[in-house]
């Protein structure tokens, strides 16, 4: 074999060995197989970027669910700022108390390159929703919470028929007894007042449920204080209750009064409720 041919083959073998070295160690070499210095290593073309979002879990307001939105990363380390940590991709953490915490996520790729992101999150108590309360809404424990002697006599109770429980309010046919209760509401809020009623089949009569603005202690003021009213008159079956509702806006009133009366026929009312819309 000629000398030039031997040199060519030797160069080819060195180049092949160099190629193997490049794949395994990311080092480069010249055409004769000599490795370049470490400073010439190929750079990480897709370094990781750490990122996450946080959302309070409404099932337990001390629990925060973290969604990992890191890019080009394979390994993760969470530091929740209260001594707790995790290596899960997406994490959920129970904090010991309400307050502010500094949460850190370190995202690392397979080449060992890392990126860190830090956020301050605040774990807060849920906002309490105000709910109006009607006392003795099912007329189970006497009638004291439904009395106003200035507007009418004390209502009676009946044990049959009822919607639920063991008692309902009873209004005799002469219309002399009324139900009245003042409750606290939020201003400028829309509410729906619901109730169940039944009326004896004769004579022809009705039940009126009115919502009054604030407290009223004079019959003369009833009309001007009325925000909304519903008069119902189904007399098909005295033993079957019918559900009715009345929607109103509380306006500038921080309290309203529920006023119940009947006309001409004996009536019963049960299970009164109120809800915001």
C-alpha atoms as a PDB file:
ATOM      1  CA  UNK A   1       0.000   0.000   0.000  1.00  0.00           C
ATOM      2  CA  UNK A   2       1.275   3.458  -0.819  1.00  0.00           C
ATOM      3  CA  UNK A   3       2.171   5.882   1.939  1.00  0.00           C
ATOM      4  CA  UNK A   4      -0.470   8.448   0.881  1.00  0.00           C
ATOM      5  CA  UNK A   5      -3.208   5.808   1.112  1.00  0.00           C
ATOM      6  CA  UNK A   6      -2.153   4.888   4.622  1.00  0.00           C
ATOM      7  CA  UNK A   7      -2.355   8.564   5.698  1.00  0.00           C
ATOM      8  CA  UNK A   8      -5.860   8.910   4.232  1.00  0.00           C
ATOM      9  CA  UNK A   9      -7.117   5.805   6.060  1.00  0.00           C
ATOM     10  CA  UNK A  10      -5.564   6.983   9.331  1.00  0.00           C
ATOM     11  CA  UNK A  11      -7.255  10.374   8.998  1.00  0.00           C
ATOM     12  CA  UNK A  12     -10.628   8.699   8.331  1.00  0.00           C
ATOM     13  CA  UNK A  13     -10.336   6.522  11.459  1.00  0.00           C
ATOM     14  CA  UNK A  14      -9.441   9.516  13.585  1.00  0.00           C
ATOM     15  CA  UNK A  15     -12.419  11.432  12.208  1.00  0.00           C
ATOM     16  CA  UNK A  16     -14.721   8.471  13.039  1.00  0.00           C
ATOM     17  CA  UNK A  17     -13.412   8.300  16.597  1.00  0.00           C
ATOM     18  CA  UNK A  18     -13.910  12.035  16.931  1.00  0.00           C
ATOM     19  CA  UNK A  19     -17.523  11.689  15.833  1.00  0.00           C
ATOM     20  CA  UNK A  20     -18.135   9.148  18.616  1.00  0.00           C
ATOM     21  CA  UNK A  21     -16.525  11.470  21.149  1.00  0.00           C
ATOM     22  CA  UNK A  22     -18.751  14.356  20.045  1.00  0.00           C
ATOM     23  CA  UNK A  23     -21.928  12.334  20.622  1.00  0.00           C
ATOM     24  CA  UNK A  24     -20.904  11.065  24.043  1.00  0.00           C
ATOM     25  CA  UNK A  25     -19.319  14.132  25.619  1.00  0.00           C
ATOM     26  CA  UNK A  26     -20.475  17.047  23.484  1.00  0.00           C
ATOM     27  CA  UNK A  27     -16.807  17.917  22.781  1.00  0.00           C
ATOM     28  CA  UNK A  28     -15.532  18.956  19.350  1.00  0.00           C
ATOM     29  CA  UNK A  29     -12.356  18.069  17.506  1.00  0.00           C
ATOM     30  CA  UNK A  30     -10.523  18.981  14.380  1.00  0.00           C
ATOM     31  CA  UNK A  31     -10.301  16.924  11.215  1.00  0.00           C
ATOM     32  CA  UNK A  32      -7.344  14.980  12.637  1.00  0.00           C
ATOM     33  CA  UNK A  33      -9.135  13.808  15.772  1.00  0.00           C
ATOM     34  CA  UNK A  34      -7.628  16.281  18.242  1.00  0.00           C
ATOM     35  CA  UNK A  35     -10.228  17.423  20.867  1.00  0.00           C
ATOM     36  CA  UNK A  36     -10.900  21.102  21.277  1.00  0.00           C
ATOM     37  CA  UNK A  37     -10.687  22.678  24.738  1.00  0.00           C
ATOM     38  CA  UNK A  38     -13.604  22.324  27.220  1.00  0.00           C
ATOM     39  CA  UNK A  39     -14.455  26.009  26.684  1.00  0.00           C
ATOM     40  CA  UNK A  40     -15.771  25.062  23.225  1.00  0.00           C
ATOM     41  CA  UNK A  41     -18.545  22.763  24.612  1.00  0.00           C
ATOM     42  CA  UNK A  42     -21.865  23.025  22.781  1.00  0.00           C
ATOM     43  CA  UNK A  43     -24.315  25.316  24.699  1.00  0.00           C
ATOM     44  CA  UNK A  44     -27.774  24.180  25.960  1.00  0.00           C
ATOM     45  CA  UNK A  45     -29.974  25.241  23.038  1.00  0.00           C
ATOM     46  CA  UNK A  46     -33.279  25.080  25.036  1.00  0.00           C
ATOM     47  CA  UNK A  47     -32.583  26.127  28.639  1.00  0.00           C
ATOM     48  CA  UNK A  48     -35.538  25.749  31.055  1.00  0.00           C
ATOM     49  CA  UNK A  49     -37.829  28.571  32.116  1.00  0.00           C
ATOM     50  CA  UNK A  50     -39.586  28.119  35.460  1.00  0.00           C
ATOM     51  CA  UNK A  51     -43.157  29.311  35.992  1.00  0.00           C
ATOM     52  CA  UNK A  52     -46.330  28.486  37.909  1.00  0.00           C
ATOM     53  CA  UNK A  53     -49.810  29.688  38.804  1.00  0.00           C
ATOM     54  CA  UNK A  54     -51.545  29.360  42.173  1.00  0.00           C
ATOM     55  CA  UNK A  55     -55.216  28.967  43.084  1.00  0.00           C
ATOM     56  CA  UNK A  56     -56.846  28.598  46.491  1.00  0.00           C
ATOM     57  CA  UNK A  57     -58.829  25.377  46.859  1.00  0.00           C
ATOM     58  CA  UNK A  58     -62.348  26.430  47.917  1.00  0.00           C
ATOM     59  CA  UNK A  59     -62.911  23.121  49.695  1.00  0.00           C
ATOM     60  CA  UNK A  60     -60.317  24.259  52.251  1.00  0.00           C
ATOM     61  CA  UNK A  61     -59.110  27.826  51.994  1.00  0.00           C
ATOM     62  CA  UNK A  62     -55.735  26.947  53.539  1.00  0.00           C
ATOM     63  CA  UNK A  63     -54.978  24.610  50.611  1.00  0.00           C
ATOM     64  CA  UNK A  64     -53.407  26.089  47.484  1.00  0.00           C
ATOM     65  CA  UNK A  65     -53.157  24.203  44.189  1.00  0.00           C
ATOM     66  CA  UNK A  66     -50.105  25.039  42.068  1.00  0.00           C
ATOM     67  CA  UNK A  67     -50.022  24.504  38.298  1.00  0.00           C
ATOM     68  CA  UNK A  68     -46.567  24.165  36.795  1.00  0.00           C
ATOM     69  CA  UNK A  69     -46.141  26.109  33.545  1.00  0.00           C
ATOM     70  CA  UNK A  70     -42.364  25.670  33.243  1.00  0.00           C
ATOM     71  CA  UNK A  71     -40.863  25.178  29.769  1.00  0.00           C
ATOM     72  CA  UNK A  72     -38.096  22.730  28.732  1.00  0.00           C
ATOM     73  CA  UNK A  73     -37.738  21.255  32.227  1.00  0.00           C
ATOM     74  CA  UNK A  74     -37.915  17.685  33.518  1.00  0.00           C
ATOM     75  CA  UNK A  75     -37.275  17.988  37.275  1.00  0.00           C
ATOM     76  CA  UNK A  76     -38.815  20.321  39.823  1.00  0.00           C
ATOM     77  CA  UNK A  77     -38.263  21.424  43.412  1.00  0.00           C
ATOM     78  CA  UNK A  78     -40.895  23.451  45.263  1.00  0.00           C
ATOM     79  CA  UNK A  79     -40.256  25.524  48.387  1.00  0.00           C
ATOM     80  CA  UNK A  80     -43.563  26.745  49.847  1.00  0.00           C
ATOM     81  CA  UNK A  81     -42.066  29.273  52.241  1.00  0.00           C
ATOM     82  CA  UNK A  82     -43.375  27.584  55.385  1.00  0.00           C
ATOM     83  CA  UNK A  83     -40.835  24.766  55.646  1.00  0.00           C
ATOM     84  CA  UNK A  84     -42.741  22.533  53.232  1.00  0.00           C
ATOM     85  CA  UNK A  85     -41.416  21.295  49.886  1.00  0.00           C
ATOM     86  CA  UNK A  86     -42.260  18.979  46.991  1.00  0.00           C
ATOM     87  CA  UNK A  87     -40.701  17.475  43.870  1.00  0.00           C
ATOM     88  CA  UNK A  88     -44.008  16.898  42.051  1.00  0.00           C
ATOM     89  CA  UNK A  89     -44.554  18.643  38.751  1.00  0.00           C
ATOM     90  CA  UNK A  90     -47.885  20.146  39.860  1.00  0.00           C
ATOM     91  CA  UNK A  91     -48.223  20.555  43.602  1.00  0.00           C
ATOM     92  CA  UNK A  92     -50.933  21.046  46.212  1.00  0.00           C
ATOM     93  CA  UNK A  93     -49.960  22.365  49.630  1.00  0.00           C
ATOM     94  CA  UNK A  94     -51.755  22.909  52.941  1.00  0.00           C
ATOM     95  CA  UNK A  95     -50.526  26.080  54.625  1.00  0.00           C
ATOM     96  CA  UNK A  96     -50.601  26.298  58.443  1.00  0.00           C
ATOM     97  CA  UNK A  97     -52.416  29.621  58.653  1.00  0.00           C
ATOM     98  CA  UNK A  98     -53.736  32.551  56.632  1.00  0.00           C
ATOM     99  CA  UNK A  99     -51.086  35.016  55.533  1.00  0.00           C
ATOM    100  CA  UNK A 100     -48.424  35.740  52.906  1.00  0.00           C
ATOM    101  CA  UNK A 101     -45.879  33.138  51.785  1.00  0.00           C
ATOM    102  CA  UNK A 102     -42.917  33.282  49.395  1.00  0.00           C
ATOM    103  CA  UNK A 103     -43.118  30.252  47.088  1.00  0.00           C
ATOM    104  CA  UNK A 104     -40.131  29.219  44.979  1.00  0.00           C
ATOM    105  CA  UNK A 105     -39.956  26.749  42.079  1.00  0.00           C
ATOM    106  CA  UNK A 106     -36.658  25.483  40.652  1.00  0.00           C
ATOM    107  CA  UNK A 107     -37.031  23.869  37.221  1.00  0.00           C
ATOM    108  CA  UNK A 108     -34.130  21.796  35.844  1.00  0.00           C
ATOM    109  CA  UNK A 109     -33.547  20.107  32.482  1.00  0.00           C
ATOM    110  CA  UNK A 110     -31.662  16.853  31.687  1.00  0.00           C
ATOM    111  CA  UNK A 111     -28.402  18.750  31.120  1.00  0.00           C
ATOM    112  CA  UNK A 112     -28.522  20.053  34.689  1.00  0.00           C
ATOM    113  CA  UNK A 113     -29.372  23.623  33.730  1.00  0.00           C
ATOM    114  CA  UNK A 114     -31.802  25.241  36.195  1.00  0.00           C
ATOM    115  CA  UNK A 115     -34.060  28.257  36.327  1.00  0.00           C
ATOM    116  CA  UNK A 116     -35.784  29.684  39.426  1.00  0.00           C
ATOM    117  CA  UNK A 117     -39.010  31.651  39.845  1.00  0.00           C
ATOM    118  CA  UNK A 118     -40.383  33.125  43.074  1.00  0.00           C
ATOM    119  CA  UNK A 119     -43.855  34.454  43.809  1.00  0.00           C
ATOM    120  CA  UNK A 120     -45.479  35.854  46.940  1.00  0.00           C
ATOM    121  CA  UNK A 121     -48.926  34.376  47.433  1.00  0.00           C
ATOM    122  CA  UNK A 122     -51.531  35.348  50.009  1.00  0.00           C
ATOM    123  CA  UNK A 123     -53.736  32.768  51.688  1.00  0.00           C
ATOM    124  CA  UNK A 124     -56.840  34.629  52.859  1.00  0.00           C
ATOM    125  CA  UNK A 125     -60.036  33.793  54.673  1.00  0.00           C
ATOM    126  CA  UNK A 126     -63.063  33.373  52.404  1.00  0.00           C
ATOM    127  CA  UNK A 127     -65.425  36.305  52.213  1.00  0.00           C
ATOM    128  CA  UNK A 128     -68.448  35.519  54.296  1.00  0.00           C
ATOM    129  CA  UNK A 129     -71.701  35.813  52.379  1.00  0.00           C
ATOM    130  CA  UNK A 130     -74.431  37.534  54.334  1.00  0.00           C
ATOM    131  CA  UNK A 131     -77.647  35.536  54.597  1.00  0.00           C
ATOM    132  CA  UNK A 132     -80.871  36.935  56.064  1.00  0.00           C
ATOM    133  CA  UNK A 133     -82.299  34.836  58.882  1.00  0.00           C
ATOM    134  CA  UNK A 134     -86.001  34.242  59.509  1.00  0.00           C
ATOM    135  CA  UNK A 135     -86.655  33.104  63.055  1.00  0.00           C
ATOM    136  CA  UNK A 136     -88.953  30.116  63.545  1.00  0.00           C
ATOM    137  CA  UNK A 137     -89.610  29.923  59.803  1.00  0.00           C
ATOM    138  CA  UNK A 138     -91.561  26.674  60.226  1.00  0.00           C
ATOM    139  CA  UNK A 139     -93.609  27.820  63.232  1.00  0.00           C
ATOM    140  CA  UNK A 140     -92.274  24.924  65.308  1.00  0.00           C
ATOM    141  CA  UNK A 141     -91.506  26.751  68.555  1.00  0.00           C
ATOM    142  CA  UNK A 142     -94.371  29.046  69.403  1.00  0.00           C
ATOM    143  CA  UNK A 143     -95.319  32.319  67.761  1.00  0.00           C
ATOM    144  CA  UNK A 144     -93.370  34.959  69.742  1.00  0.00           C
ATOM    145  CA  UNK A 145     -91.061  35.821  66.853  1.00  0.00           C
ATOM    146  CA  UNK A 146     -94.100  36.457  64.626  1.00  0.00           C
ATOM    147  CA  UNK A 147     -96.030  38.868  66.857  1.00  0.00           C
ATOM    148  CA  UNK A 148     -96.846  42.576  66.537  1.00  0.00           C
ATOM    149  CA  UNK A 149     -99.795  43.578  68.684  1.00  0.00           C
ATOM    150  CA  UNK A 150    -100.032  47.001  66.973  1.00  0.00           C
ATOM    151  CA  UNK A 151    -100.893  45.364  63.647  1.00  0.00           C
ATOM    152  CA  UNK A 152    -103.084  42.445  64.740  1.00  0.00           C
ATOM    153  CA  UNK A 153    -103.637  39.513  67.047  1.00  0.00           C
ATOM    154  CA  UNK A 154    -101.276  36.641  67.721  1.00  0.00           C
ATOM    155  CA  UNK A 155    -101.371  33.860  65.136  1.00  0.00           C
ATOM    156  CA  UNK A 156    -102.453  30.374  66.062  1.00  0.00           C
ATOM    157  CA  UNK A 157    -100.727  27.100  65.182  1.00  0.00           C
ATOM    158  CA  UNK A 158    -102.059  23.893  63.682  1.00  0.00           C
ATOM    159  CA  UNK A 159    -100.637  20.372  63.652  1.00  0.00           C
ATOM    160  CA  UNK A 160    -102.419  19.320  60.454  1.00  0.00           C
ATOM    161  CA  UNK A 161    -101.881  19.843  57.644  1.00  0.00           C
ATOM    162  CA  UNK A 162     -98.208  20.890  57.677  1.00  0.00           C
ATOM    163  CA  UNK A 163     -95.452  21.037  55.073  1.00  0.00           C
ATOM    164  CA  UNK A 164     -92.686  19.781  57.342  1.00  0.00           C
ATOM    165  CA  UNK A 165     -92.135  19.379  61.037  1.00  0.00           C
ATOM    166  CA  UNK A 166     -95.129  19.243  63.356  1.00  0.00           C
ATOM    167  CA  UNK A 167     -96.723  22.691  63.151  1.00  0.00           C
ATOM    168  CA  UNK A 168     -97.857  25.447  60.785  1.00  0.00           C
ATOM    169  CA  UNK A 169     -99.301  28.938  61.287  1.00  0.00           C
ATOM    170  CA  UNK A 170    -103.090  29.188  61.362  1.00  0.00           C
ATOM    171  CA  UNK A 171    -105.107  32.290  60.493  1.00  0.00           C
ATOM    172  CA  UNK A 172    -108.835  32.223  61.423  1.00  0.00           C
ATOM    173  CA  UNK A 173    -111.434  33.372  58.933  1.00  0.00           C
ATOM    174  CA  UNK A 174    -112.150  36.713  60.650  1.00  0.00           C
ATOM    175  CA  UNK A 175    -108.722  38.051  59.594  1.00  0.00           C
ATOM    176  CA  UNK A 176    -107.956  39.319  63.089  1.00  0.00           C
ATOM    177  CA  UNK A 177    -104.564  37.619  63.432  1.00  0.00           C
ATOM    178  CA  UNK A 178    -101.392  38.451  61.576  1.00  0.00           C
ATOM    179  CA  UNK A 179     -97.829  37.244  61.235  1.00  0.00           C
ATOM    180  CA  UNK A 180     -95.060  39.839  61.433  1.00  0.00           C
ATOM    181  CA  UNK A 181     -91.269  39.656  61.690  1.00  0.00           C
ATOM    182  CA  UNK A 182     -88.475  42.155  61.013  1.00  0.00           C
ATOM    183  CA  UNK A 183     -85.207  40.760  59.604  1.00  0.00           C
ATOM    184  CA  UNK A 184     -81.878  42.248  58.579  1.00  0.00           C
ATOM    185  CA  UNK A 185     -81.027  42.410  54.860  1.00  0.00           C
ATOM    186  CA  UNK A 186     -78.421  44.058  52.640  1.00  0.00           C
ATOM    187  CA  UNK A 187     -79.281  47.315  50.932  1.00  0.00           C
ATOM    188  CA  UNK A 188     -80.010  47.377  47.197  1.00  0.00           C
ATOM    189  CA  UNK A 189     -80.181  43.603  46.983  1.00  0.00           C
ATOM    190  CA  UNK A 190     -82.706  41.453  45.144  1.00  0.00           C
ATOM    191  CA  UNK A 191     -84.307  38.748  47.275  1.00  0.00           C
ATOM    192  CA  UNK A 192     -86.941  36.092  46.791  1.00  0.00           C
ATOM    193  CA  UNK A 193     -89.275  35.313  49.674  1.00  0.00           C
ATOM    194  CA  UNK A 194     -90.941  31.880  49.403  1.00  0.00           C
ATOM    195  CA  UNK A 195     -93.783  30.406  51.439  1.00  0.00           C
ATOM    196  CA  UNK A 196     -96.352  27.597  51.442  1.00  0.00           C
ATOM    197  CA  UNK A 197    -100.063  28.200  52.002  1.00  0.00           C
ATOM    198  CA  UNK A 198    -103.447  26.489  51.989  1.00  0.00           C
ATOM    199  CA  UNK A 199    -106.973  27.936  52.340  1.00  0.00           C
ATOM    200  CA  UNK A 200    -110.227  26.293  53.352  1.00  0.00           C
ATOM    201  CA  UNK A 201    -112.451  25.612  50.317  1.00  0.00           C
ATOM    202  CA  UNK A 202    -115.144  28.091  51.391  1.00  0.00           C
ATOM    203  CA  UNK A 203    -116.057  30.874  51.683  1.00  0.00           C
ATOM    204  CA  UNK A 204    -113.981  32.621  49.027  1.00  0.00           C
ATOM    205  CA  UNK A 205    -110.864  34.024  50.656  1.00  0.00           C
ATOM    206  CA  UNK A 206    -107.167  34.772  50.182  1.00  0.00           C
ATOM    207  CA  UNK A 207    -103.780  35.118  51.867  1.00  0.00           C
ATOM    208  CA  UNK A 208    -101.556  38.176  51.490  1.00  0.00           C
ATOM    209  CA  UNK A 209     -97.815  38.184  52.155  1.00  0.00           C
ATOM    210  CA  UNK A 210     -96.189  41.620  52.043  1.00  0.00           C
ATOM    211  CA  UNK A 211     -92.608  42.854  52.330  1.00  0.00           C
ATOM    212  CA  UNK A 212     -92.322  46.134  54.219  1.00  0.00           C
ATOM    213  CA  UNK A 213     -89.392  48.533  54.277  1.00  0.00           C
ATOM    214  CA  UNK A 214     -88.034  48.530  57.838  1.00  0.00           C
ATOM    215  CA  UNK A 215     -90.137  48.106  60.953  1.00  0.00           C
ATOM    216  CA  UNK A 216     -93.791  49.156  60.894  1.00  0.00           C
ATOM    217  CA  UNK A 217     -95.957  49.548  63.993  1.00  0.00           C
ATOM    218  CA  UNK A 218     -99.066  51.249  62.653  1.00  0.00           C
ATOM    219  CA  UNK A 219    -101.724  49.933  60.297  1.00  0.00           C
ATOM    220  CA  UNK A 220    -101.889  53.399  58.777  1.00  0.00           C
ATOM    221  CA  UNK A 221     -98.277  53.015  57.590  1.00  0.00           C
ATOM    222  CA  UNK A 222     -98.669  49.596  55.976  1.00  0.00           C
ATOM    223  CA  UNK A 223     -99.496  50.807  52.477  1.00  0.00           C
ATOM    224  CA  UNK A 224     -96.664  53.352  52.244  1.00  0.00           C
ATOM    225  CA  UNK A 225     -94.117  50.909  53.682  1.00  0.00           C
ATOM    226  CA  UNK A 226     -94.961  48.069  51.287  1.00  0.00           C
ATOM    227  CA  UNK A 227     -92.116  47.162  48.915  1.00  0.00           C
ATOM    228  CA  UNK A 228     -93.798  44.142  47.353  1.00  0.00           C
ATOM    229  CA  UNK A 229     -96.868  42.035  47.965  1.00  0.00           C
ATOM    230  CA  UNK A 230     -98.419  38.759  46.818  1.00  0.00           C
ATOM    231  CA  UNK A 231    -102.087  37.822  47.273  1.00  0.00           C
ATOM    232  CA  UNK A 232    -102.837  34.125  46.672  1.00  0.00           C
ATOM    233  CA  UNK A 233    -106.233  32.459  46.571  1.00  0.00           C
ATOM    234  CA  UNK A 234    -106.094  28.787  45.523  1.00  0.00           C
ATOM    235  CA  UNK A 235    -108.869  26.977  47.452  1.00  0.00           C
ATOM    236  CA  UNK A 236    -109.032  23.701  45.529  1.00  0.00           C
ATOM    237  CA  UNK A 237    -107.764  21.541  48.402  1.00  0.00           C
ATOM    238  CA  UNK A 238    -107.543  22.701  52.008  1.00  0.00           C
ATOM    239  CA  UNK A 239    -105.079  19.925  52.871  1.00  0.00           C
ATOM    240  CA  UNK A 240    -102.569  20.496  50.076  1.00  0.00           C
ATOM    241  CA  UNK A 241    -100.011  23.280  50.420  1.00  0.00           C
ATOM    242  CA  UNK A 242     -99.032  25.409  47.444  1.00  0.00           C
ATOM    243  CA  UNK A 243     -95.638  27.073  47.153  1.00  0.00           C
ATOM    244  CA  UNK A 244     -95.513  30.727  46.142  1.00  0.00           C
ATOM    245  CA  UNK A 245     -92.695  33.262  45.931  1.00  0.00           C
ATOM    246  CA  UNK A 246     -92.263  37.004  45.977  1.00  0.00           C
ATOM    247  CA  UNK A 247     -89.232  38.779  44.484  1.00  0.00           C
ATOM    248  CA  UNK A 248     -88.246  42.270  45.610  1.00  0.00           C
ATOM    249  CA  UNK A 249     -85.404  44.780  45.823  1.00  0.00           C
ATOM    250  CA  UNK A 250     -84.507  45.905  49.337  1.00  0.00           C
ATOM    251  CA  UNK A 251     -83.573  49.368  48.064  1.00  0.00           C
ATOM    252  CA  UNK A 252     -82.147  51.593  50.806  1.00  0.00           C
ATOM    253  CA  UNK A 253     -83.558  49.384  53.555  1.00  0.00           C
ATOM    254  CA  UNK A 254     -81.124  47.590  55.865  1.00  0.00           C
ATOM    255  CA  UNK A 255     -84.074  45.671  57.283  1.00  0.00           C
ATOM    256  CA  UNK A 256     -87.448  44.536  56.011  1.00  0.00           C
ATOM    257  CA  UNK A 257     -90.544  43.152  57.679  1.00  0.00           C
ATOM    258  CA  UNK A 258     -92.597  40.156  56.576  1.00  0.00           C
ATOM    259  CA  UNK A 259     -96.308  40.773  57.067  1.00  0.00           C
ATOM    260  CA  UNK A 260     -98.862  37.958  56.635  1.00  0.00           C
ATOM    261  CA  UNK A 261    -102.623  38.355  56.724  1.00  0.00           C
ATOM    262  CA  UNK A 262    -105.702  36.537  55.425  1.00  0.00           C
ATOM    263  CA  UNK A 263    -109.158  37.535  54.268  1.00  0.00           C
ATOM    264  CA  UNK A 264    -112.549  35.821  54.824  1.00  0.00           C
ATOM    265  CA  UNK A 265    -111.465  32.139  54.829  1.00  0.00           C
ATOM    266  CA  UNK A 266    -109.350  30.191  57.311  1.00  0.00           C
ATOM    267  CA  UNK A 267    -105.747  29.805  56.034  1.00  0.00           C
ATOM    268  CA  UNK A 268    -102.471  28.198  56.981  1.00  0.00           C
ATOM    269  CA  UNK A 269     -98.896  29.226  56.168  1.00  0.00           C
ATOM    270  CA  UNK A 270     -95.728  27.185  56.637  1.00  0.00           C
ATOM    271  CA  UNK A 271     -91.986  27.039  55.836  1.00  0.00           C
ATOM    272  CA  UNK A 272     -91.114  30.631  54.926  1.00  0.00           C
ATOM    273  CA  UNK A 273     -87.657  31.217  53.422  1.00  0.00           C
ATOM    274  CA  UNK A 274     -85.632  34.015  51.888  1.00  0.00           C
ATOM    275  CA  UNK A 275     -82.700  33.916  49.466  1.00  0.00           C
ATOM    276  CA  UNK A 276     -80.684  36.496  47.551  1.00  0.00           C
ATOM    277  CA  UNK A 277     -80.778  36.433  43.745  1.00  0.00           C
END
